Amino acid sequence: MRARNEGRTARSEGLASLGSDRGFTLVEMLIVVVLVGAAVGFGIEGLRTYRETQRAHAGAVQVVTVLNHAKSRAVTMNQPVIVDLAPGGLNPSDGFYQVYADTDGDATLDAGEVAAANLAETTERSGMVGYQLPAAMGFGQPQGASTGPLGITAASDGVSFTNNQVTLLPDGTATEAGHLMLFDDDDRAYAVTLTAGGAVRMYRFDGSGWR
């Protein structure tokens, strides 16, 4: 009797062991594949969003850097330095702008004045050398932004400066206070302000205000 019970126990343990080693069913494998695919998809989308957010931020940082360098060059050279947000008939929405030292004081770009500014212009467009905002970005008024961070009414092209230009003077000041608004295809928006005293600052628009 005891031998028969031991036999049954052994067979039961063998069946249990067989069941535990049976592997995955096709349905279980399909579920795993779907879950892994979803996780990868969310990861790729998150990475894309992160990269585009960083690109928009980099565009605003570029403008801040250029304005500060232009101010520094104006002081160092003891010459006005002009930032033109719509050079050569382009529009601010094109996202291309030039910086040049107004060495002859005529407020017009002349031969050699871009090089005289001695900044880091590396982009050429329509025969002009200047700065280009990152892809899918341009100057313009973000939806919902009726004024800039300084309280100045927002222009539809995002540039509040007269004739889309502002001049940095040898004493470190600017000819006028204003802002540059820029945003990308997904409405990630920033503003860069310049005070009459020459202070440059960057803001982000969160849909209801500048932060």
N, C-alpha and C. Protein backbone atom coordinates (compact mmCIF):
# COMPACT_ATOMS: atom_id res chain seq x y z
N MET A 1 0.85 -1.20 0.00
CA MET A 1 0.00 0.00 0.00
C MET A 1 0.87 1.24 0.00
N ARG A 2 1.85 1.19 0.81
CA ARG A 2 2.75 2.34 0.89
C ARG A 2 3.48 2.53 -0.42
N ALA A 3 3.84 1.45 -1.08
CA ALA A 3 4.55 1.53 -2.35
C ALA A 3 3.69 2.17 -3.41
N ARG A 4 2.33 1.76 -3.42
CA ARG A 4 1.43 2.36 -4.40
C ARG A 4 1.32 3.86 -4.19
N ASN A 5 1.20 4.32 -2.93
CA ASN A 5 1.08 5.76 -2.64
C ASN A 5 2.34 6.51 -3.07
N GLU A 6 3.50 5.87 -2.83
CA GLU A 6 4.73 6.53 -3.25
C GLU A 6 4.78 6.64 -4.76
N GLY A 7 4.22 5.64 -5.45
CA GLY A 7 4.19 5.67 -6.92
C GLY A 7 3.32 6.80 -7.42
N ARG A 8 2.13 6.92 -6.78
CA ARG A 8 1.24 8.01 -7.21
C ARG A 8 1.90 9.37 -6.97
N THR A 9 2.55 9.51 -5.81
CA THR A 9 3.20 10.79 -5.49
C THR A 9 4.27 11.13 -6.51
N ALA A 10 5.03 10.13 -6.89
CA ALA A 10 6.09 10.35 -7.88
C ALA A 10 5.51 10.78 -9.21
N ARG A 11 4.38 10.09 -9.64
CA ARG A 11 3.77 10.47 -10.91
C ARG A 11 3.21 11.88 -10.86
N SER A 12 2.60 12.25 -9.70
CA SER A 12 2.04 13.60 -9.55
C SER A 12 3.13 14.65 -9.63
N GLU A 13 4.25 14.37 -8.95
CA GLU A 13 5.36 15.33 -9.00
C GLU A 13 5.91 15.44 -10.40
N GLY A 14 5.93 14.31 -11.11
CA GLY A 14 6.43 14.34 -12.49
C GLY A 14 5.53 15.17 -13.38
N LEU A 15 4.19 15.01 -13.22
CA LEU A 15 3.26 15.79 -14.03
C LEU A 15 3.37 17.26 -13.71
N ALA A 16 3.53 17.58 -12.39
CA ALA A 16 3.65 18.98 -11.99
C ALA A 16 4.90 19.59 -12.60
N SER A 17 5.96 18.77 -12.57
CA SER A 17 7.21 19.26 -13.14
C SER A 17 7.07 19.47 -14.63
N LEU A 18 6.35 18.55 -15.30
CA LEU A 18 6.12 18.67 -16.74
C LEU A 18 5.31 19.92 -17.05
N GLY A 19 4.30 20.20 -16.22
CA GLY A 19 3.46 21.38 -16.44
C GLY A 19 4.24 22.65 -16.26
N SER A 20 5.17 22.67 -15.27
CA SER A 20 5.91 23.90 -15.02
C SER A 20 6.95 24.17 -16.09
N ASP A 21 7.31 23.14 -16.86
CA ASP A 21 8.32 23.30 -17.89
C ASP A 21 7.73 23.37 -19.30
N ARG A 22 6.42 23.61 -19.38
CA ARG A 22 5.77 23.53 -20.68
C ARG A 22 6.10 24.71 -21.59
N GLY A 23 6.68 25.85 -21.05
CA GLY A 23 7.01 27.01 -21.87
C GLY A 23 5.82 27.94 -22.05
N PHE A 24 5.92 28.85 -23.05
CA PHE A 24 4.86 29.84 -23.31
C PHE A 24 3.94 29.34 -24.41
N THR A 25 2.69 29.69 -24.27
CA THR A 25 1.74 29.41 -25.35
C THR A 25 1.86 30.51 -26.40
N LEU A 26 1.30 30.31 -27.56
CA LEU A 26 1.34 31.30 -28.63
C LEU A 26 0.65 32.59 -28.19
N VAL A 27 -0.46 32.46 -27.48
CA VAL A 27 -1.18 33.66 -27.02
C VAL A 27 -0.31 34.47 -26.06
N GLU A 28 0.35 33.77 -25.13
CA GLU A 28 1.22 34.46 -24.19
C GLU A 28 2.36 35.18 -24.90
N MET A 29 2.93 34.54 -25.90
CA MET A 29 4.01 35.16 -26.65
C MET A 29 3.53 36.39 -27.41
N LEU A 30 2.34 36.31 -27.98
CA LEU A 30 1.78 37.46 -28.70
C LEU A 30 1.55 38.63 -27.75
N ILE A 31 1.09 38.34 -26.55
CA ILE A 31 0.87 39.40 -25.56
C ILE A 31 2.19 40.09 -25.22
N VAL A 32 3.23 39.30 -25.04
CA VAL A 32 4.54 39.86 -24.73
C VAL A 32 5.03 40.75 -25.87
N VAL A 33 4.86 40.26 -27.11
CA VAL A 33 5.30 41.05 -28.28
C VAL A 33 4.56 42.38 -28.34
N VAL A 34 3.25 42.35 -28.11
CA VAL A 34 2.45 43.59 -28.14
C VAL A 34 2.91 44.56 -27.06
N LEU A 35 3.14 44.05 -25.84
CA LEU A 35 3.58 44.91 -24.74
C LEU A 35 4.94 45.53 -25.02
N VAL A 36 5.86 44.72 -25.54
CA VAL A 36 7.19 45.24 -25.86
C VAL A 36 7.09 46.30 -26.96
N GLY A 37 6.27 46.03 -27.97
CA GLY A 37 6.09 46.99 -29.05
C GLY A 37 5.53 48.31 -28.56
N ALA A 38 4.56 48.24 -27.66
CA ALA A 38 3.96 49.46 -27.10
C ALA A 38 4.99 50.25 -26.31
N ALA A 39 5.78 49.52 -25.51
CA ALA A 39 6.81 50.20 -24.71
C ALA A 39 7.83 50.89 -25.59
N VAL A 40 8.25 50.22 -26.67
CA VAL A 40 9.21 50.82 -27.60
C VAL A 40 8.59 52.05 -28.27
N GLY A 41 7.31 51.92 -28.67
CA GLY A 41 6.63 53.04 -29.32
C GLY A 41 6.55 54.27 -28.43
N PHE A 42 6.18 54.05 -27.16
CA PHE A 42 6.13 55.18 -26.21
C PHE A 42 7.51 55.78 -26.00
N GLY A 43 8.53 54.93 -25.98
CA GLY A 43 9.89 55.42 -25.78
C GLY A 43 10.35 56.29 -26.94
N ILE A 44 10.05 55.85 -28.18
CA ILE A 44 10.43 56.61 -29.37
C ILE A 44 9.71 57.95 -29.41
N GLU A 45 8.41 57.93 -29.10
CA GLU A 45 7.63 59.17 -29.11
C GLU A 45 8.14 60.13 -28.04
N GLY A 46 8.47 59.60 -26.88
CA GLY A 46 9.00 60.45 -25.81
C GLY A 46 10.33 61.07 -26.20
N LEU A 47 11.17 60.28 -26.87
CA LEU A 47 12.46 60.79 -27.32
C LEU A 47 12.28 61.87 -28.37
N ARG A 48 11.32 61.67 -29.29
CA ARG A 48 11.07 62.67 -30.33
C ARG A 48 10.61 63.98 -29.71
N THR A 49 9.68 63.89 -28.75
CA THR A 49 9.18 65.09 -28.09
C THR A 49 10.29 65.81 -27.35
N TYR A 50 11.13 65.05 -26.67
CA TYR A 50 12.25 65.65 -25.92
C TYR A 50 13.19 66.38 -26.87
N ARG A 51 13.52 65.74 -28.00
CA ARG A 51 14.46 66.35 -28.94
C ARG A 51 13.87 67.63 -29.52
N GLU A 52 12.58 67.63 -29.85
CA GLU A 52 11.97 68.83 -30.42
C GLU A 52 11.87 69.95 -29.39
N THR A 53 11.61 69.58 -28.13
CA THR A 53 11.58 70.60 -27.07
C THR A 53 12.96 71.22 -26.90
N GLN A 54 13.99 70.39 -26.92
CA GLN A 54 15.35 70.89 -26.79
C GLN A 54 15.74 71.76 -27.98
N ARG A 55 15.24 71.42 -29.15
CA ARG A 55 15.55 72.21 -30.35
C ARG A 55 14.94 73.60 -30.25
N ALA A 56 13.68 73.69 -29.80
CA ALA A 56 13.04 74.99 -29.63
C ALA A 56 13.78 75.83 -28.59
N HIS A 57 14.17 75.20 -27.50
CA HIS A 57 14.92 75.90 -26.46
C HIS A 57 16.26 76.39 -27.00
N ALA A 58 16.91 75.55 -27.82
CA ALA A 58 18.20 75.93 -28.39
C ALA A 58 18.07 77.14 -29.30
N GLY A 59 16.94 77.25 -30.02
CA GLY A 59 16.71 78.41 -30.88
C GLY A 59 16.66 79.69 -30.08
N ALA A 60 15.98 79.67 -28.94
CA ALA A 60 15.88 80.86 -28.08
C ALA A 60 17.24 81.19 -27.47
N VAL A 61 17.97 80.16 -27.06
CA VAL A 61 19.31 80.38 -26.49
C VAL A 61 20.23 81.00 -27.54
N GLN A 62 20.09 80.57 -28.78
CA GLN A 62 20.90 81.14 -29.86
C GLN A 62 20.67 82.65 -29.97
N VAL A 63 19.41 83.09 -29.93
CA VAL A 63 19.09 84.51 -30.04
C VAL A 63 19.68 85.29 -28.87
N VAL A 64 19.53 84.74 -27.66
CA VAL A 64 20.09 85.40 -26.47
C VAL A 64 21.60 85.57 -26.64
N THR A 65 22.26 84.52 -27.08
CA THR A 65 23.72 84.55 -27.25
C THR A 65 24.13 85.59 -28.28
N VAL A 66 23.42 85.63 -29.40
CA VAL A 66 23.76 86.58 -30.47
C VAL A 66 23.57 88.02 -29.99
N LEU A 67 22.47 88.30 -29.32
CA LEU A 67 22.22 89.66 -28.83
C LEU A 67 23.30 90.08 -27.83
N ASN A 68 23.67 89.20 -26.95
CA ASN A 68 24.72 89.53 -25.97
C ASN A 68 26.07 89.75 -26.65
N HIS A 69 26.37 88.93 -27.65
CA HIS A 69 27.63 89.11 -28.38
C HIS A 69 27.61 90.41 -29.17
N ALA A 70 26.46 90.73 -29.77
CA ALA A 70 26.34 91.98 -30.53
C ALA A 70 26.57 93.18 -29.62
N LYS A 71 26.00 93.12 -28.43
CA LYS A 71 26.20 94.22 -27.46
C LYS A 71 27.67 94.32 -27.08
N SER A 72 28.31 93.19 -26.85
CA SER A 72 29.71 93.19 -26.47
C SER A 72 30.58 93.76 -27.58
N ARG A 73 30.28 93.39 -28.83
CA ARG A 73 31.05 93.90 -29.96
C ARG A 73 30.86 95.41 -30.13
N ALA A 74 29.64 95.90 -29.91
CA ALA A 74 29.39 97.33 -30.03
C ALA A 74 30.26 98.11 -29.04
N VAL A 75 30.37 97.59 -27.83
CA VAL A 75 31.18 98.25 -26.80
C VAL A 75 32.67 98.17 -27.16
N THR A 76 33.10 96.96 -27.55
CA THR A 76 34.53 96.74 -27.85
C THR A 76 34.99 97.57 -29.05
N MET A 77 34.16 97.61 -30.10
CA MET A 77 34.53 98.32 -31.32
C MET A 77 34.23 99.82 -31.25
N ASN A 78 33.42 100.19 -30.26
CA ASN A 78 32.95 101.58 -30.18
C ASN A 78 32.21 101.98 -31.46
N GLN A 79 31.42 101.00 -31.96
CA GLN A 79 30.63 101.19 -33.17
C GLN A 79 29.24 100.59 -32.95
N PRO A 80 28.18 101.19 -33.52
CA PRO A 80 26.86 100.57 -33.42
C PRO A 80 26.84 99.21 -34.12
N VAL A 81 26.17 98.25 -33.54
CA VAL A 81 25.99 96.93 -34.17
C VAL A 81 24.49 96.71 -34.35
N ILE A 82 24.10 96.41 -35.57
CA ILE A 82 22.68 96.28 -35.92
C ILE A 82 22.29 94.82 -36.06
N VAL A 83 21.15 94.47 -35.47
CA VAL A 83 20.56 93.14 -35.64
C VAL A 83 19.34 93.29 -36.52
N ASP A 84 19.37 92.67 -37.70
CA ASP A 84 18.30 92.79 -38.69
C ASP A 84 17.54 91.46 -38.75
N LEU A 85 16.27 91.49 -38.35
CA LEU A 85 15.47 90.26 -38.29
C LEU A 85 14.76 89.93 -39.59
N ALA A 86 14.91 90.78 -40.60
CA ALA A 86 14.29 90.52 -41.91
C ALA A 86 15.20 91.05 -43.01
N PRO A 87 16.40 90.49 -43.13
CA PRO A 87 17.36 91.01 -44.11
C PRO A 87 17.01 90.64 -45.55
N GLY A 88 17.40 91.48 -46.47
CA GLY A 88 17.29 91.15 -47.89
C GLY A 88 15.91 90.79 -48.37
N GLY A 89 14.88 91.38 -47.77
CA GLY A 89 13.52 91.09 -48.22
C GLY A 89 12.90 89.84 -47.62
N LEU A 90 13.63 89.14 -46.76
CA LEU A 90 13.04 87.99 -46.07
C LEU A 90 12.06 88.46 -45.01
N ASN A 91 11.25 87.54 -44.50
CA ASN A 91 10.32 87.84 -43.41
C ASN A 91 10.84 87.23 -42.11
N PRO A 92 10.46 87.79 -40.96
CA PRO A 92 10.87 87.18 -39.69
C PRO A 92 10.49 85.71 -39.58
N SER A 93 9.38 85.33 -40.21
CA SER A 93 8.94 83.94 -40.13
C SER A 93 9.94 82.98 -40.78
N ASP A 94 10.84 83.51 -41.62
CA ASP A 94 11.86 82.67 -42.25
C ASP A 94 12.93 82.24 -41.25
N GLY A 95 13.00 82.95 -40.12
CA GLY A 95 13.93 82.55 -39.07
C GLY A 95 15.39 82.83 -39.37
N PHE A 96 15.66 83.70 -40.36
CA PHE A 96 17.04 84.04 -40.71
C PHE A 96 17.29 85.50 -40.36
N TYR A 97 18.43 85.78 -39.71
CA TYR A 97 18.72 87.16 -39.34
C TYR A 97 20.21 87.44 -39.43
N GLN A 98 20.52 88.73 -39.58
CA GLN A 98 21.90 89.16 -39.74
C GLN A 98 22.32 90.11 -38.64
N VAL A 99 23.61 90.13 -38.39
CA VAL A 99 24.20 91.06 -37.44
C VAL A 99 25.39 91.72 -38.12
N TYR A 100 25.45 93.04 -38.09
CA TYR A 100 26.58 93.71 -38.72
C TYR A 100 26.96 94.98 -37.97
N ALA A 101 28.23 95.32 -38.07
CA ALA A 101 28.74 96.54 -37.45
C ALA A 101 28.51 97.70 -38.43
N ASP A 102 27.80 98.71 -37.98
CA ASP A 102 27.51 99.86 -38.84
C ASP A 102 28.69 100.83 -38.80
N THR A 103 29.76 100.45 -39.48
CA THR A 103 31.02 101.18 -39.37
C THR A 103 30.97 102.59 -39.94
N ASP A 104 30.06 102.83 -40.91
CA ASP A 104 29.98 104.16 -41.49
C ASP A 104 28.77 104.96 -40.97
N GLY A 105 28.02 104.36 -40.06
CA GLY A 105 26.93 105.08 -39.40
C GLY A 105 25.74 105.41 -40.27
N ASP A 106 25.55 104.67 -41.39
CA ASP A 106 24.41 104.98 -42.26
C ASP A 106 23.21 104.07 -42.03
N ALA A 107 23.29 103.19 -41.02
CA ALA A 107 22.20 102.27 -40.67
C ALA A 107 21.79 101.37 -41.83
N THR A 108 22.74 101.11 -42.73
CA THR A 108 22.51 100.25 -43.89
C THR A 108 23.67 99.27 -44.01
N LEU A 109 23.35 98.05 -44.36
CA LEU A 109 24.40 97.04 -44.51
C LEU A 109 25.25 97.33 -45.73
N ASP A 110 26.53 97.47 -45.51
CA ASP A 110 27.48 97.70 -46.59
C ASP A 110 28.51 96.57 -46.61
N ALA A 111 29.24 96.49 -47.69
CA ALA A 111 30.25 95.44 -47.86
C ALA A 111 31.23 95.45 -46.69
N GLY A 112 31.48 94.28 -46.16
CA GLY A 112 32.46 94.13 -45.09
C GLY A 112 31.92 94.34 -43.69
N GLU A 113 30.68 94.81 -43.55
CA GLU A 113 30.19 95.13 -42.21
C GLU A 113 29.76 93.90 -41.42
N VAL A 114 29.34 92.83 -42.11
CA VAL A 114 29.04 91.59 -41.40
C VAL A 114 30.33 91.02 -40.82
N ALA A 115 31.38 90.98 -41.64
CA ALA A 115 32.67 90.47 -41.17
C ALA A 115 33.23 91.35 -40.06
N ALA A 116 32.97 92.65 -40.14
CA ALA A 116 33.49 93.58 -39.13
C ALA A 116 32.91 93.30 -37.76
N ALA A 117 31.68 92.78 -37.72
CA ALA A 117 31.05 92.46 -36.43
C ALA A 117 31.80 91.33 -35.73
N ASN A 118 32.49 90.49 -36.53
CA ASN A 118 33.34 89.43 -36.00
C ASN A 118 32.59 88.48 -35.08
N LEU A 119 31.36 88.14 -35.48
CA LEU A 119 30.58 87.16 -34.73
C LEU A 119 30.69 85.81 -35.43
N ALA A 120 29.86 84.87 -35.03
CA ALA A 120 30.02 83.49 -35.52
C ALA A 120 29.01 83.13 -36.60
N GLU A 121 28.69 84.07 -37.49
CA GLU A 121 27.74 83.73 -38.56
C GLU A 121 28.32 82.62 -39.43
N THR A 122 27.56 81.57 -39.59
CA THR A 122 28.06 80.44 -40.37
C THR A 122 27.05 79.98 -41.43
N THR A 123 25.87 80.58 -41.46
CA THR A 123 24.83 80.15 -42.38
C THR A 123 24.70 81.13 -43.53
N GLU A 124 24.56 80.61 -44.73
CA GLU A 124 24.35 81.47 -45.89
C GLU A 124 22.97 81.21 -46.48
N ARG A 125 22.27 82.28 -46.77
CA ARG A 125 20.93 82.16 -47.36
C ARG A 125 20.71 83.32 -48.32
N SER A 126 20.31 82.99 -49.53
CA SER A 126 20.06 84.00 -50.56
C SER A 126 21.26 84.94 -50.72
N GLY A 127 22.46 84.38 -50.62
CA GLY A 127 23.66 85.18 -50.78
C GLY A 127 24.04 86.00 -49.56
N MET A 128 23.33 85.83 -48.45
CA MET A 128 23.62 86.57 -47.23
C MET A 128 24.16 85.62 -46.16
N VAL A 129 25.07 86.14 -45.36
CA VAL A 129 25.62 85.35 -44.25
C VAL A 129 24.99 85.83 -42.96
N GLY A 130 24.48 84.90 -42.17
CA GLY A 130 23.83 85.27 -40.92
C GLY A 130 23.54 84.08 -40.06
N TYR A 131 22.46 84.17 -39.31
CA TYR A 131 22.07 83.11 -38.38
C TYR A 131 20.71 82.54 -38.81
N GLN A 132 20.56 81.24 -38.68
CA GLN A 132 19.31 80.57 -39.00
C GLN A 132 18.79 79.84 -37.77
N LEU A 133 17.52 80.08 -37.43
CA LEU A 133 16.91 79.34 -36.33
C LEU A 133 16.83 77.86 -36.69
N PRO A 134 16.72 76.97 -35.70
CA PRO A 134 16.60 75.55 -35.98
C PRO A 134 15.42 75.24 -36.90
N ALA A 135 15.47 74.08 -37.54
CA ALA A 135 14.43 73.66 -38.46
C ALA A 135 13.05 73.75 -37.84
N ALA A 136 12.07 74.16 -38.63
CA ALA A 136 10.66 74.27 -38.22
C ALA A 136 10.42 75.38 -37.20
N MET A 137 11.38 76.30 -37.05
CA MET A 137 11.21 77.42 -36.14
C MET A 137 11.30 78.73 -36.91
N GLY A 138 10.56 79.73 -36.44
CA GLY A 138 10.63 81.06 -37.04
C GLY A 138 10.15 82.08 -36.03
N PHE A 139 10.40 83.35 -36.33
CA PHE A 139 9.86 84.40 -35.48
C PHE A 139 8.38 84.57 -35.81
N GLY A 140 7.57 84.83 -34.80
CA GLY A 140 6.15 85.01 -35.01
C GLY A 140 5.41 85.10 -33.68
N GLN A 141 4.16 85.47 -33.75
CA GLN A 141 3.35 85.62 -32.54
C GLN A 141 2.69 84.30 -32.17
N PRO A 142 3.02 83.73 -31.02
CA PRO A 142 2.38 82.48 -30.60
C PRO A 142 0.89 82.69 -30.31
N GLN A 143 0.12 81.67 -30.53
CA GLN A 143 -1.31 81.76 -30.25
C GLN A 143 -1.54 82.03 -28.77
N GLY A 144 -2.33 83.05 -28.49
CA GLY A 144 -2.66 83.39 -27.12
C GLY A 144 -1.76 84.43 -26.49
N ALA A 145 -0.70 84.81 -27.19
CA ALA A 145 0.24 85.80 -26.64
C ALA A 145 -0.06 87.17 -27.24
N SER A 146 -0.83 87.98 -26.54
CA SER A 146 -1.20 89.30 -27.05
C SER A 146 -0.15 90.36 -26.74
N THR A 147 0.65 90.11 -25.71
CA THR A 147 1.74 91.01 -25.36
C THR A 147 2.99 90.20 -25.06
N GLY A 148 4.12 90.89 -25.10
CA GLY A 148 5.37 90.24 -24.75
C GLY A 148 5.64 90.35 -23.26
N PRO A 149 6.72 89.76 -22.79
CA PRO A 149 7.06 89.79 -21.36
C PRO A 149 7.24 91.20 -20.80
N LEU A 150 7.61 92.16 -21.64
CA LEU A 150 7.80 93.54 -21.18
C LEU A 150 6.51 94.35 -21.24
N GLY A 151 5.41 93.70 -21.63
CA GLY A 151 4.13 94.41 -21.73
C GLY A 151 3.92 95.10 -23.06
N ILE A 152 4.85 94.93 -23.99
CA ILE A 152 4.73 95.55 -25.32
C ILE A 152 3.80 94.69 -26.17
N THR A 153 2.89 95.33 -26.90
CA THR A 153 1.94 94.60 -27.75
C THR A 153 2.67 93.71 -28.73
N ALA A 154 2.21 92.49 -28.87
CA ALA A 154 2.85 91.52 -29.76
C ALA A 154 2.50 91.82 -31.21
N ALA A 155 3.51 91.87 -32.07
CA ALA A 155 3.28 92.02 -33.51
C ALA A 155 3.05 90.64 -34.11
N SER A 156 2.34 90.60 -35.21
CA SER A 156 2.02 89.30 -35.81
C SER A 156 3.28 88.57 -36.28
N ASP A 157 4.34 89.32 -36.61
CA ASP A 157 5.58 88.67 -37.05
C ASP A 157 6.52 88.35 -35.89
N GLY A 158 6.08 88.66 -34.66
CA GLY A 158 6.85 88.32 -33.48
C GLY A 158 7.96 89.28 -33.13
N VAL A 159 8.17 90.30 -33.96
CA VAL A 159 9.27 91.25 -33.74
C VAL A 159 8.67 92.62 -33.42
N SER A 160 8.96 93.14 -32.24
CA SER A 160 8.37 94.43 -31.85
C SER A 160 9.24 95.62 -32.24
N PHE A 161 10.48 95.37 -32.66
CA PHE A 161 11.39 96.47 -32.98
C PHE A 161 10.99 97.16 -34.30
N THR A 162 11.19 98.45 -34.34
CA THR A 162 10.86 99.25 -35.53
C THR A 162 11.62 98.73 -36.75
N ASN A 163 10.88 98.51 -37.84
CA ASN A 163 11.46 98.03 -39.10
C ASN A 163 12.22 96.72 -38.94
N ASN A 164 11.83 95.94 -37.93
CA ASN A 164 12.45 94.63 -37.70
C ASN A 164 13.95 94.71 -37.45
N GLN A 165 14.39 95.85 -36.89
CA GLN A 165 15.81 96.01 -36.58
C GLN A 165 15.97 96.63 -35.20
N VAL A 166 17.10 96.33 -34.58
CA VAL A 166 17.46 97.00 -33.33
C VAL A 166 18.97 97.21 -33.34
N THR A 167 19.38 98.34 -32.81
CA THR A 167 20.80 98.68 -32.81
C THR A 167 21.34 98.67 -31.39
N LEU A 168 22.46 97.96 -31.20
CA LEU A 168 23.19 97.97 -29.94
C LEU A 168 24.25 99.06 -30.03
N LEU A 169 24.30 99.91 -29.03
CA LEU A 169 25.16 101.10 -29.06
C LEU A 169 26.46 100.89 -28.30
N PRO A 170 27.47 101.73 -28.59
CA PRO A 170 28.78 101.57 -27.95
C PRO A 170 28.77 101.65 -26.43
N ASP A 171 27.74 102.27 -25.85
CA ASP A 171 27.68 102.35 -24.38
C ASP A 171 26.95 101.16 -23.76
N GLY A 172 26.62 100.14 -24.59
CA GLY A 172 25.98 98.94 -24.09
C GLY A 172 24.47 98.99 -24.04
N THR A 173 23.88 100.11 -24.45
CA THR A 173 22.42 100.24 -24.47
C THR A 173 21.87 99.88 -25.84
N ALA A 174 20.54 99.90 -25.95
CA ALA A 174 19.88 99.62 -27.22
C ALA A 174 19.03 100.82 -27.63
N THR A 175 18.76 100.93 -28.92
CA THR A 175 17.98 102.06 -29.41
C THR A 175 16.54 102.01 -28.93
N GLU A 176 16.05 100.84 -28.59
CA GLU A 176 14.69 100.70 -28.05
C GLU A 176 14.55 99.36 -27.35
N ALA A 177 13.61 99.32 -26.44
CA ALA A 177 13.29 98.06 -25.77
C ALA A 177 12.30 97.29 -26.64
N GLY A 178 12.36 95.99 -26.57
CA GLY A 178 11.43 95.19 -27.37
C GLY A 178 11.62 93.70 -27.13
N HIS A 179 10.96 92.93 -27.97
CA HIS A 179 11.03 91.47 -27.83
C HIS A 179 11.08 90.79 -29.19
N LEU A 180 11.55 89.57 -29.17
CA LEU A 180 11.52 88.66 -30.32
C LEU A 180 10.79 87.41 -29.86
N MET A 181 9.68 87.10 -30.51
CA MET A 181 8.95 85.87 -30.19
C MET A 181 9.25 84.83 -31.26
N LEU A 182 9.44 83.60 -30.85
CA LEU A 182 9.71 82.53 -31.79
C LEU A 182 9.02 81.25 -31.33
N PHE A 183 8.59 80.46 -32.28
CA PHE A 183 7.93 79.19 -31.93
C PHE A 183 8.11 78.19 -33.07
N ASP A 184 7.84 76.91 -32.74
CA ASP A 184 8.00 75.86 -33.74
C ASP A 184 6.64 75.34 -34.21
N ASP A 185 6.66 74.27 -34.99
CA ASP A 185 5.44 73.72 -35.58
C ASP A 185 4.46 73.19 -34.53
N ASP A 186 4.96 72.85 -33.35
CA ASP A 186 4.11 72.34 -32.28
C ASP A 186 3.79 73.41 -31.24
N ASP A 187 3.98 74.69 -31.62
CA ASP A 187 3.65 75.84 -30.77
C ASP A 187 4.45 75.89 -29.47
N ARG A 188 5.65 75.34 -29.48
CA ARG A 188 6.56 75.58 -28.35
C ARG A 188 7.11 76.98 -28.54
N ALA A 189 6.80 77.88 -27.63
CA ALA A 189 7.08 79.30 -27.86
C ALA A 189 8.00 79.89 -26.80
N TYR A 190 8.86 80.78 -27.27
CA TYR A 190 9.77 81.51 -26.40
C TYR A 190 9.78 82.98 -26.82
N ALA A 191 10.23 83.82 -25.90
CA ALA A 191 10.45 85.23 -26.22
C ALA A 191 11.79 85.63 -25.64
N VAL A 192 12.50 86.46 -26.40
CA VAL A 192 13.76 87.04 -25.94
C VAL A 192 13.55 88.54 -25.88
N THR A 193 13.78 89.12 -24.72
CA THR A 193 13.58 90.55 -24.56
C THR A 193 14.90 91.29 -24.48
N LEU A 194 14.84 92.54 -24.91
CA LEU A 194 16.00 93.43 -24.84
C LEU A 194 15.51 94.75 -24.27
N THR A 195 16.05 95.16 -23.14
CA THR A 195 15.66 96.44 -22.55
C THR A 195 16.48 97.56 -23.18
N ALA A 196 16.02 98.79 -22.98
CA ALA A 196 16.77 99.94 -23.49
C ALA A 196 18.15 100.02 -22.86
N GLY A 197 18.27 99.46 -21.67
CA GLY A 197 19.57 99.45 -20.99
C GLY A 197 20.50 98.35 -21.48
N GLY A 198 20.00 97.49 -22.38
CA GLY A 198 20.84 96.46 -22.97
C GLY A 198 20.74 95.09 -22.32
N ALA A 199 19.83 94.92 -21.35
CA ALA A 199 19.69 93.62 -20.69
C ALA A 199 18.91 92.65 -21.57
N VAL A 200 19.40 91.43 -21.68
CA VAL A 200 18.78 90.39 -22.51
C VAL A 200 18.26 89.27 -21.61
N ARG A 201 17.03 88.82 -21.88
CA ARG A 201 16.45 87.75 -21.07
C ARG A 201 15.55 86.88 -21.92
N MET A 202 15.44 85.61 -21.55
CA MET A 202 14.63 84.64 -22.28
C MET A 202 13.44 84.20 -21.43
N TYR A 203 12.28 84.02 -22.08
CA TYR A 203 11.06 83.55 -21.41
C TYR A 203 10.44 82.42 -22.23
N ARG A 204 9.66 81.58 -21.55
CA ARG A 204 8.91 80.52 -22.22
C ARG A 204 7.42 80.78 -22.06
N PHE A 205 6.65 80.57 -23.12
CA PHE A 205 5.20 80.77 -23.07
C PHE A 205 4.51 79.45 -22.79
N ASP A 206 3.70 79.40 -21.73
CA ASP A 206 3.05 78.14 -21.34
C ASP A 206 1.59 78.06 -21.78
N GLY A 207 1.17 78.96 -22.66
CA GLY A 207 -0.20 78.96 -23.14
C GLY A 207 -1.06 80.02 -22.49
N SER A 208 -0.63 80.49 -21.33
CA SER A 208 -1.40 81.53 -20.63
C SER A 208 -0.55 82.73 -20.24
N GLY A 209 0.76 82.57 -20.23
CA GLY A 209 1.63 83.68 -19.86
C GLY A 209 3.08 83.33 -20.06
N TRP A 210 3.93 84.32 -19.86
CA TRP A 210 5.38 84.15 -20.02
C TRP A 210 6.02 83.79 -18.70
N ARG A 211 6.83 82.79 -18.70
CA ARG A 211 7.47 82.32 -17.48
C ARG A 211 9.00 82.34 -17.62
